[in-house]
Amino acid sequence: QVAPLQANEVAIIRRKCTSFDVKQHEFREMFRKEAPFKYDSEGVYANLDEMHIKIGVMEEEMQGLADSASLFEVNMPEFKQLKQCRKEVKLLKTCWDMTELVTSCFDDWKLTLWIEIDVESMEVECKKFVKEIRGMD
């Protein structure tokens, strides 16, 4: 009596997984178009926050599918596209934080009077930036 119901539920879960796979590929395409990958992007942090929230919603849906799939012993795909979006949004945040840090430091230096310029400290600061940038993923 239970076998037909279980088979039906397994079929439903597989359809949902297939549907979610299409959805995550569409999301990946949207992410690649809208995420702030260019230096001249505007509203970067608002965009990153929005992407973070959207990815979180997708991850919750994916977790729900994973829970259902494990309950009915259905193999679920990895959904690599969504995981790649999560990885890239973290990298973008780190990159934009560094960009803002360097830009604000240089903007500060531009306001320094010639007589007050400390070239050695500026050079040390730039070397720190280079070291941090090279240490980024």
N, C-alpha and C. Protein backbone atom coordinates (compact mmCIF):
# COMPACT_ATOMS: atom_id res chain seq x y z
N GLN A 1 0.81 -1.21 0.00
CA GLN A 1 0.00 0.00 0.00
C GLN A 1 0.85 1.26 0.00
N VAL A 2 1.99 1.20 0.66
CA VAL A 2 2.83 2.38 0.80
C VAL A 2 3.71 2.59 -0.43
N ALA A 3 4.06 1.49 -1.10
CA ALA A 3 4.99 1.57 -2.23
C ALA A 3 4.53 2.53 -3.33
N PRO A 4 3.27 2.50 -3.77
CA PRO A 4 2.85 3.44 -4.81
C PRO A 4 2.94 4.91 -4.36
N LEU A 5 2.58 5.15 -3.12
CA LEU A 5 2.67 6.52 -2.59
C LEU A 5 4.13 6.98 -2.51
N GLN A 6 4.99 6.06 -2.09
CA GLN A 6 6.41 6.38 -2.00
C GLN A 6 6.99 6.63 -3.40
N ALA A 7 6.64 5.80 -4.35
CA ALA A 7 7.11 5.97 -5.72
C ALA A 7 6.62 7.30 -6.30
N ASN A 8 5.39 7.65 -5.99
CA ASN A 8 4.83 8.93 -6.45
C ASN A 8 5.61 10.10 -5.85
N GLU A 9 5.91 10.01 -4.57
CA GLU A 9 6.66 11.08 -3.90
C GLU A 9 8.07 11.19 -4.46
N VAL A 10 8.69 10.05 -4.74
CA VAL A 10 10.03 10.04 -5.35
C VAL A 10 10.00 10.74 -6.70
N ALA A 11 8.97 10.46 -7.49
CA ALA A 11 8.83 11.10 -8.81
C ALA A 11 8.65 12.61 -8.65
N ILE A 12 7.87 13.02 -7.65
CA ILE A 12 7.66 14.45 -7.41
C ILE A 12 8.97 15.12 -7.01
N ILE A 13 9.74 14.49 -6.15
CA ILE A 13 11.03 15.05 -5.71
C ILE A 13 11.99 15.16 -6.89
N ARG A 14 12.01 14.15 -7.74
CA ARG A 14 12.90 14.20 -8.92
C ARG A 14 12.50 15.34 -9.86
N ARG A 15 11.18 15.55 -10.03
CA ARG A 15 10.71 16.66 -10.87
C ARG A 15 11.12 18.00 -10.25
N LYS A 16 10.97 18.10 -8.93
CA LYS A 16 11.36 19.33 -8.25
C LYS A 16 12.86 19.58 -8.40
N CYS A 17 13.66 18.53 -8.32
CA CYS A 17 15.11 18.67 -8.49
C CYS A 17 15.45 19.15 -9.90
N THR A 18 14.77 18.57 -10.88
CA THR A 18 15.00 18.97 -12.26
C THR A 18 14.58 20.43 -12.47
N SER A 19 13.44 20.79 -11.91
CA SER A 19 12.96 22.16 -12.00
C SER A 19 13.93 23.13 -11.31
N PHE A 20 14.42 22.73 -10.14
CA PHE A 20 15.37 23.58 -9.41
C PHE A 20 16.68 23.72 -10.17
N ASP A 21 17.09 22.65 -10.85
CA ASP A 21 18.32 22.70 -11.65
C ASP A 21 18.20 23.76 -12.74
N VAL A 22 17.07 23.79 -13.41
CA VAL A 22 16.83 24.81 -14.44
C VAL A 22 16.83 26.20 -13.81
N LYS A 23 16.17 26.30 -12.66
CA LYS A 23 16.08 27.58 -11.96
C LYS A 23 17.46 28.09 -11.54
N GLN A 24 18.31 27.19 -11.07
CA GLN A 24 19.65 27.63 -10.64
C GLN A 24 20.51 28.04 -11.83
N HIS A 25 20.32 27.39 -12.98
CA HIS A 25 21.06 27.82 -14.19
C HIS A 25 20.59 29.20 -14.64
N GLU A 26 19.29 29.45 -14.57
CA GLU A 26 18.77 30.78 -14.92
C GLU A 26 19.28 31.83 -13.93
N PHE A 27 19.31 31.45 -12.66
CA PHE A 27 19.82 32.36 -11.63
C PHE A 27 21.29 32.68 -11.89
N ARG A 28 22.05 31.68 -12.27
CA ARG A 28 23.48 31.88 -12.56
C ARG A 28 23.67 32.87 -13.69
N GLU A 29 22.87 32.75 -14.73
CA GLU A 29 22.96 33.69 -15.86
C GLU A 29 22.61 35.10 -15.42
N MET A 30 21.56 35.24 -14.60
CA MET A 30 21.18 36.55 -14.08
C MET A 30 22.30 37.11 -13.21
N PHE A 31 22.88 36.27 -12.37
CA PHE A 31 23.97 36.68 -11.49
C PHE A 31 25.15 37.22 -12.30
N ARG A 32 25.51 36.52 -13.35
CA ARG A 32 26.65 36.93 -14.17
C ARG A 32 26.40 38.27 -14.86
N LYS A 33 25.14 38.56 -15.17
CA LYS A 33 24.80 39.82 -15.83
C LYS A 33 24.70 40.98 -14.83
N GLU A 34 24.17 40.72 -13.64
CA GLU A 34 23.83 41.80 -12.72
C GLU A 34 24.83 42.02 -11.58
N ALA A 35 25.64 41.04 -11.26
CA ALA A 35 26.59 41.20 -10.16
C ALA A 35 27.67 42.21 -10.55
N PRO A 36 28.22 42.94 -9.58
CA PRO A 36 29.19 44.00 -9.88
C PRO A 36 30.60 43.46 -10.18
N PHE A 37 30.77 42.95 -11.39
CA PHE A 37 32.07 42.42 -11.79
C PHE A 37 32.97 43.49 -12.41
N LYS A 38 32.41 44.65 -12.74
CA LYS A 38 33.19 45.70 -13.40
C LYS A 38 33.54 46.81 -12.42
N TYR A 39 34.67 47.43 -12.65
CA TYR A 39 35.15 48.47 -11.75
C TYR A 39 34.22 49.69 -11.73
N ASP A 40 33.57 49.96 -12.84
CA ASP A 40 32.70 51.15 -12.91
C ASP A 40 31.26 50.85 -12.45
N SER A 41 31.05 49.72 -11.81
CA SER A 41 29.72 49.38 -11.29
C SER A 41 29.29 50.38 -10.23
N GLU A 42 27.99 50.64 -10.17
CA GLU A 42 27.46 51.56 -9.17
C GLU A 42 26.54 50.81 -8.23
N GLY A 43 26.42 51.32 -7.01
CA GLY A 43 25.58 50.67 -6.02
C GLY A 43 26.04 49.26 -5.70
N VAL A 44 27.34 49.12 -5.59
CA VAL A 44 27.96 47.81 -5.45
C VAL A 44 27.46 47.05 -4.21
N TYR A 45 27.51 47.70 -3.07
CA TYR A 45 27.15 46.99 -1.84
C TYR A 45 25.67 46.65 -1.78
N ALA A 46 24.82 47.52 -2.29
CA ALA A 46 23.39 47.22 -2.35
C ALA A 46 23.15 46.02 -3.27
N ASN A 47 23.87 46.00 -4.38
CA ASN A 47 23.77 44.89 -5.32
C ASN A 47 24.25 43.59 -4.67
N LEU A 48 25.39 43.65 -3.97
CA LEU A 48 25.91 42.45 -3.31
C LEU A 48 24.95 41.95 -2.23
N ASP A 49 24.35 42.88 -1.48
CA ASP A 49 23.37 42.48 -0.46
C ASP A 49 22.18 41.78 -1.10
N GLU A 50 21.71 42.35 -2.20
CA GLU A 50 20.58 41.77 -2.92
C GLU A 50 20.91 40.36 -3.42
N MET A 51 22.10 40.21 -3.99
CA MET A 51 22.53 38.90 -4.48
C MET A 51 22.65 37.91 -3.32
N HIS A 52 23.20 38.37 -2.20
CA HIS A 52 23.35 37.51 -1.03
C HIS A 52 21.99 37.00 -0.56
N ILE A 53 21.00 37.88 -0.53
CA ILE A 53 19.65 37.49 -0.09
C ILE A 53 19.04 36.49 -1.08
N LYS A 54 19.18 36.78 -2.37
CA LYS A 54 18.62 35.88 -3.39
C LYS A 54 19.27 34.50 -3.32
N ILE A 55 20.58 34.48 -3.13
CA ILE A 55 21.28 33.20 -3.03
C ILE A 55 20.81 32.46 -1.78
N GLY A 56 20.61 33.19 -0.69
CA GLY A 56 20.11 32.58 0.55
C GLY A 56 18.76 31.92 0.36
N VAL A 57 17.87 32.59 -0.37
CA VAL A 57 16.55 32.03 -0.65
C VAL A 57 16.68 30.75 -1.47
N MET A 58 17.55 30.79 -2.47
CA MET A 58 17.77 29.61 -3.31
C MET A 58 18.38 28.48 -2.47
N GLU A 59 19.30 28.81 -1.59
CA GLU A 59 19.93 27.78 -0.75
C GLU A 59 18.92 27.15 0.21
N GLU A 60 17.98 27.94 0.71
CA GLU A 60 16.93 27.39 1.57
C GLU A 60 16.06 26.40 0.79
N GLU A 61 15.73 26.79 -0.42
CA GLU A 61 14.93 25.89 -1.27
C GLU A 61 15.71 24.61 -1.56
N MET A 62 17.02 24.76 -1.84
CA MET A 62 17.87 23.61 -2.11
C MET A 62 17.94 22.70 -0.88
N GLN A 63 18.04 23.29 0.31
CA GLN A 63 18.10 22.50 1.54
C GLN A 63 16.79 21.74 1.77
N GLY A 64 15.68 22.38 1.47
CA GLY A 64 14.38 21.69 1.57
C GLY A 64 14.31 20.49 0.65
N LEU A 65 14.81 20.68 -0.58
CA LEU A 65 14.86 19.56 -1.53
C LEU A 65 15.78 18.46 -1.02
N ALA A 66 16.92 18.86 -0.46
CA ALA A 66 17.89 17.87 0.05
C ALA A 66 17.28 17.07 1.20
N ASP A 67 16.54 17.74 2.06
CA ASP A 67 15.89 17.05 3.18
C ASP A 67 14.87 16.03 2.66
N SER A 68 14.05 16.46 1.71
CA SER A 68 13.06 15.55 1.13
C SER A 68 13.74 14.39 0.41
N ALA A 69 14.79 14.70 -0.33
CA ALA A 69 15.50 13.67 -1.10
C ALA A 69 16.12 12.64 -0.17
N SER A 70 16.72 13.10 0.92
CA SER A 70 17.35 12.14 1.84
C SER A 70 16.29 11.30 2.55
N LEU A 71 15.14 11.88 2.81
CA LEU A 71 14.06 11.16 3.47
C LEU A 71 13.58 9.99 2.61
N PHE A 72 13.53 10.23 1.29
CA PHE A 72 13.06 9.19 0.38
C PHE A 72 14.20 8.50 -0.38
N GLU A 73 15.42 8.72 0.10
CA GLU A 73 16.62 8.09 -0.47
C GLU A 73 16.74 8.33 -1.97
N VAL A 74 16.57 9.58 -2.36
CA VAL A 74 16.71 9.99 -3.75
C VAL A 74 18.05 10.71 -3.90
N ASN A 75 18.82 10.33 -4.91
CA ASN A 75 20.08 11.02 -5.16
C ASN A 75 19.79 12.40 -5.74
N MET A 76 20.44 13.39 -5.16
CA MET A 76 20.20 14.77 -5.58
C MET A 76 21.45 15.33 -6.24
N PRO A 77 21.30 16.09 -7.33
CA PRO A 77 22.48 16.71 -7.94
C PRO A 77 23.13 17.73 -7.00
N GLU A 78 24.35 18.12 -7.31
CA GLU A 78 25.10 19.04 -6.44
C GLU A 78 24.68 20.50 -6.58
N PHE A 79 24.10 20.87 -7.69
CA PHE A 79 23.73 22.26 -7.96
C PHE A 79 24.96 23.17 -7.84
N LYS A 80 25.94 22.87 -8.66
CA LYS A 80 27.22 23.58 -8.63
C LYS A 80 27.10 25.05 -9.00
N GLN A 81 26.14 25.38 -9.85
CA GLN A 81 25.99 26.77 -10.29
C GLN A 81 25.66 27.68 -9.10
N LEU A 82 24.78 27.22 -8.22
CA LEU A 82 24.41 28.01 -7.05
C LEU A 82 25.59 28.14 -6.09
N LYS A 83 26.32 27.06 -5.92
CA LYS A 83 27.50 27.10 -5.04
C LYS A 83 28.55 28.06 -5.60
N GLN A 84 28.68 28.09 -6.92
CA GLN A 84 29.63 29.01 -7.56
C GLN A 84 29.20 30.46 -7.34
N CYS A 85 27.90 30.73 -7.40
CA CYS A 85 27.39 32.08 -7.13
C CYS A 85 27.73 32.49 -5.71
N ARG A 86 27.55 31.59 -4.76
CA ARG A 86 27.86 31.90 -3.36
C ARG A 86 29.35 32.22 -3.21
N LYS A 87 30.18 31.42 -3.83
CA LYS A 87 31.63 31.64 -3.76
C LYS A 87 31.99 32.99 -4.37
N GLU A 88 31.43 33.29 -5.52
CA GLU A 88 31.76 34.53 -6.21
C GLU A 88 31.25 35.76 -5.47
N VAL A 89 30.10 35.68 -4.81
CA VAL A 89 29.58 36.83 -4.09
C VAL A 89 30.51 37.14 -2.90
N LYS A 90 31.05 36.10 -2.28
CA LYS A 90 32.02 36.31 -1.18
C LYS A 90 33.29 36.96 -1.71
N LEU A 91 33.78 36.45 -2.85
CA LEU A 91 34.99 37.02 -3.45
C LEU A 91 34.78 38.47 -3.89
N LEU A 92 33.61 38.73 -4.46
CA LEU A 92 33.30 40.10 -4.87
C LEU A 92 33.26 41.05 -3.69
N LYS A 93 32.67 40.59 -2.59
CA LYS A 93 32.62 41.42 -1.38
C LYS A 93 34.03 41.74 -0.90
N THR A 94 34.88 40.75 -0.84
CA THR A 94 36.27 40.95 -0.42
C THR A 94 36.99 41.91 -1.37
N CYS A 95 36.79 41.71 -2.65
CA CYS A 95 37.43 42.55 -3.66
C CYS A 95 36.97 44.00 -3.55
N TRP A 96 35.66 44.20 -3.41
CA TRP A 96 35.14 45.57 -3.31
C TRP A 96 35.53 46.23 -2.00
N ASP A 97 35.64 45.45 -0.92
CA ASP A 97 36.13 46.01 0.34
C ASP A 97 37.55 46.54 0.17
N MET A 98 38.38 45.75 -0.49
CA MET A 98 39.76 46.16 -0.72
C MET A 98 39.81 47.39 -1.64
N THR A 99 38.98 47.40 -2.66
CA THR A 99 38.92 48.54 -3.57
C THR A 99 38.56 49.81 -2.82
N GLU A 100 37.54 49.72 -1.98
CA GLU A 100 37.12 50.88 -1.19
C GLU A 100 38.22 51.34 -0.22
N LEU A 101 38.89 50.39 0.38
CA LEU A 101 39.97 50.72 1.32
C LEU A 101 41.10 51.47 0.62
N VAL A 102 41.54 50.94 -0.49
CA VAL A 102 42.64 51.57 -1.24
C VAL A 102 42.20 52.93 -1.78
N THR A 103 41.02 52.99 -2.36
CA THR A 103 40.52 54.25 -2.92
C THR A 103 40.39 55.33 -1.84
N SER A 104 39.85 54.96 -0.70
CA SER A 104 39.69 55.96 0.37
C SER A 104 41.04 56.43 0.90
N CYS A 105 42.00 55.53 0.97
CA CYS A 105 43.34 55.92 1.42
C CYS A 105 43.98 56.90 0.42
N PHE A 106 43.88 56.60 -0.85
CA PHE A 106 44.44 57.49 -1.86
C PHE A 106 43.71 58.83 -1.89
N ASP A 107 42.40 58.80 -1.69
CA ASP A 107 41.64 60.05 -1.63
C ASP A 107 42.09 60.91 -0.45
N ASP A 108 42.38 60.27 0.66
CA ASP A 108 42.92 60.98 1.82
C ASP A 108 44.26 61.62 1.49
N TRP A 109 45.10 60.86 0.84
CA TRP A 109 46.43 61.37 0.50
C TRP A 109 46.35 62.55 -0.46
N LYS A 110 45.36 62.56 -1.31
CA LYS A 110 45.21 63.67 -2.26
C LYS A 110 44.94 64.99 -1.54
N LEU A 111 44.38 64.92 -0.35
CA LEU A 111 44.07 66.13 0.41
C LEU A 111 45.25 66.62 1.27
N THR A 112 46.31 65.83 1.31
CA THR A 112 47.48 66.19 2.13
C THR A 112 48.26 67.32 1.46
N LEU A 113 48.66 68.28 2.25
CA LEU A 113 49.48 69.38 1.73
C LEU A 113 50.87 68.85 1.40
N TRP A 114 51.51 69.48 0.42
CA TRP A 114 52.83 69.03 -0.02
C TRP A 114 53.83 69.01 1.13
N ILE A 115 53.74 69.96 1.97
CA ILE A 115 54.71 70.07 3.06
C ILE A 115 54.53 68.97 4.11
N GLU A 116 53.31 68.39 4.17
CA GLU A 116 53.00 67.37 5.17
C GLU A 116 53.12 65.94 4.63
N ILE A 117 53.50 65.79 3.39
CA ILE A 117 53.56 64.46 2.78
C ILE A 117 54.69 63.65 3.40
N ASP A 118 54.35 62.43 3.81
CA ASP A 118 55.32 61.48 4.35
C ASP A 118 55.42 60.31 3.37
N VAL A 119 56.37 60.43 2.47
CA VAL A 119 56.52 59.47 1.38
C VAL A 119 56.78 58.06 1.90
N GLU A 120 57.58 57.96 2.94
CA GLU A 120 57.92 56.64 3.47
C GLU A 120 56.69 55.91 4.01
N SER A 121 55.85 56.62 4.75
CA SER A 121 54.64 55.96 5.28
C SER A 121 53.67 55.60 4.16
N MET A 122 53.62 56.44 3.12
CA MET A 122 52.77 56.12 1.97
C MET A 122 53.28 54.87 1.28
N GLU A 123 54.58 54.77 1.15
CA GLU A 123 55.19 53.61 0.50
C GLU A 123 54.93 52.34 1.32
N VAL A 124 55.07 52.45 2.63
CA VAL A 124 54.79 51.31 3.51
C VAL A 124 53.33 50.88 3.38
N GLU A 125 52.45 51.86 3.37
CA GLU A 125 51.01 51.57 3.24
C GLU A 125 50.72 50.89 1.90
N CYS A 126 51.33 51.37 0.84
CA CYS A 126 51.12 50.75 -0.49
C CYS A 126 51.64 49.31 -0.51
N LYS A 127 52.77 49.09 0.14
CA LYS A 127 53.30 47.72 0.21
C LYS A 127 52.37 46.80 0.98
N LYS A 128 51.72 47.34 2.02
CA LYS A 128 50.74 46.55 2.77
C LYS A 128 49.56 46.18 1.86
N PHE A 129 49.11 47.17 1.07
CA PHE A 129 48.01 46.91 0.14
C PHE A 129 48.39 45.81 -0.85
N VAL A 130 49.59 45.92 -1.40
CA VAL A 130 50.05 44.92 -2.37
C VAL A 130 50.08 43.54 -1.72
N LYS A 131 50.58 43.47 -0.52
CA LYS A 131 50.66 42.19 0.19
C LYS A 131 49.26 41.61 0.43
N GLU A 132 48.33 42.45 0.86
CA GLU A 132 46.96 42.00 1.10
C GLU A 132 46.28 41.55 -0.19
N ILE A 133 46.49 42.31 -1.26
CA ILE A 133 45.88 41.98 -2.55
C ILE A 133 46.42 40.65 -3.07
N ARG A 134 47.71 40.45 -2.94
CA ARG A 134 48.30 39.18 -3.39
C ARG A 134 47.80 38.01 -2.54
N GLY A 135 47.46 38.29 -1.29
CA GLY A 135 46.96 37.24 -0.41
C GLY A 135 45.51 36.90 -0.62
N MET A 136 44.84 37.68 -1.44
CA MET A 136 43.42 37.40 -1.72
C MET A 136 43.31 36.15 -2.60
N ASP A 137 42.19 35.48 -2.51
CA ASP A 137 41.95 34.25 -3.26
C ASP A 137 42.00 34.45 -4.76
